[in-house]
Amino acid sequence: MWALFEKGTKYFEPSRAPLMLNYRVDDLDASLEALRAEGVQIDPKREDYDYGRFAWIIDPEGNKIELWEPPKE
């Protein structure tokens, strides 16, 4: 799925990249704990919506990556 953002959006900050990868995960909390244990930088911000939960990590090159857990059915 592609999602377009306005030019100049701040949604990808602190990354300087003009795009962001989004990975679907089964268990957001467990994924974040596993990534934290490996030393991955985790953004403390979380967002919860009817369509799922979101969190962000920063890769070693400073790119922001979004993690999405869809709602449980």
Protein backbone atom coordinates (compact mmCIF):
# COMPACT_ATOMS: atom_id res chain seq x y z
CA MET A 1 0.00 0.00 0.00
CA TRP A 2 1.22 3.48 -0.80
CA ALA A 3 0.33 6.55 1.20
CA LEU A 4 1.21 9.93 -0.22
CA PHE A 5 2.11 12.88 1.98
CA GLU A 6 2.32 16.57 1.23
CA LYS A 7 5.71 17.83 0.09
CA GLY A 8 7.60 19.14 3.10
CA THR A 9 5.69 16.96 5.60
CA LYS A 10 7.24 16.63 9.03
CA TYR A 11 5.72 13.15 9.51
CA PHE A 12 9.01 11.44 8.60
CA GLU A 13 11.14 13.46 11.04
CA PRO A 14 13.74 13.00 12.43
CA SER A 15 14.61 11.15 9.22
CA ARG A 16 15.78 13.26 6.29
CA ALA A 17 14.46 10.65 3.83
CA PRO A 18 11.44 11.67 1.73
CA LEU A 19 9.70 8.38 2.51
CA MET A 20 9.19 5.85 5.27
CA LEU A 21 8.75 2.09 5.34
CA ASN A 22 5.82 0.66 7.28
CA TYR A 23 5.89 -2.91 8.56
CA ARG A 24 2.83 -4.82 9.69
CA VAL A 25 3.45 -6.72 12.95
CA ASP A 26 1.31 -9.23 14.83
CA ASP A 27 2.22 -7.98 18.30
CA LEU A 28 3.47 -4.40 18.53
CA ASP A 29 4.55 -4.59 22.16
CA ALA A 30 6.51 -7.83 21.69
CA SER A 31 8.12 -6.50 18.51
CA LEU A 32 9.23 -3.32 20.28
CA GLU A 33 10.66 -5.29 23.20
CA ALA A 34 12.62 -7.57 20.84
CA LEU A 35 13.95 -4.56 18.93
CA ARG A 36 14.84 -2.74 22.17
CA ALA A 37 16.76 -5.83 23.35
CA GLU A 38 18.81 -5.60 20.14
CA GLY A 39 19.65 -1.96 20.78
CA VAL A 40 17.30 -0.41 18.21
CA GLN A 41 16.36 3.22 18.85
CA ILE A 42 12.63 3.36 19.68
CA ASP A 43 10.51 6.49 19.45
CA PRO A 44 8.51 6.79 22.70
CA LYS A 45 5.44 8.04 20.79
CA ARG A 46 2.53 5.62 20.24
CA GLU A 47 -0.77 6.11 18.43
CA ASP A 48 -3.91 3.98 18.75
CA TYR A 49 -6.79 4.13 16.30
CA ASP A 50 -9.76 1.96 15.34
CA TYR A 51 -7.64 0.71 12.41
CA GLY A 52 -4.63 -0.28 14.53
CA ARG A 53 -1.73 0.67 16.76
CA PHE A 54 1.40 2.47 15.57
CA ALA A 55 4.96 2.93 16.82
CA TRP A 56 8.22 4.05 15.22
CA ILE A 57 11.84 3.03 15.29
CA ILE A 58 14.97 4.60 13.84
CA ASP A 59 17.35 2.48 11.78
CA PRO A 60 21.15 2.79 12.06
CA GLU A 61 21.20 5.31 9.19
CA GLY A 62 18.67 7.59 10.90
CA ASN A 63 15.63 6.58 8.85
CA LYS A 64 12.28 6.43 10.60
CA ILE A 65 10.35 3.15 10.22
CA GLU A 66 6.70 2.74 11.16
CA LEU A 67 5.33 -0.40 12.80
CA TRP A 68 1.61 -1.11 12.52
CA GLU A 69 -0.41 -3.69 14.42
CA PRO A 70 -3.86 -4.05 12.82
CA PRO A 71 -6.84 -4.43 15.13
CA LYS A 72 -7.54 -7.91 16.46
CA GLU A 73 -10.69 -9.43 15.06
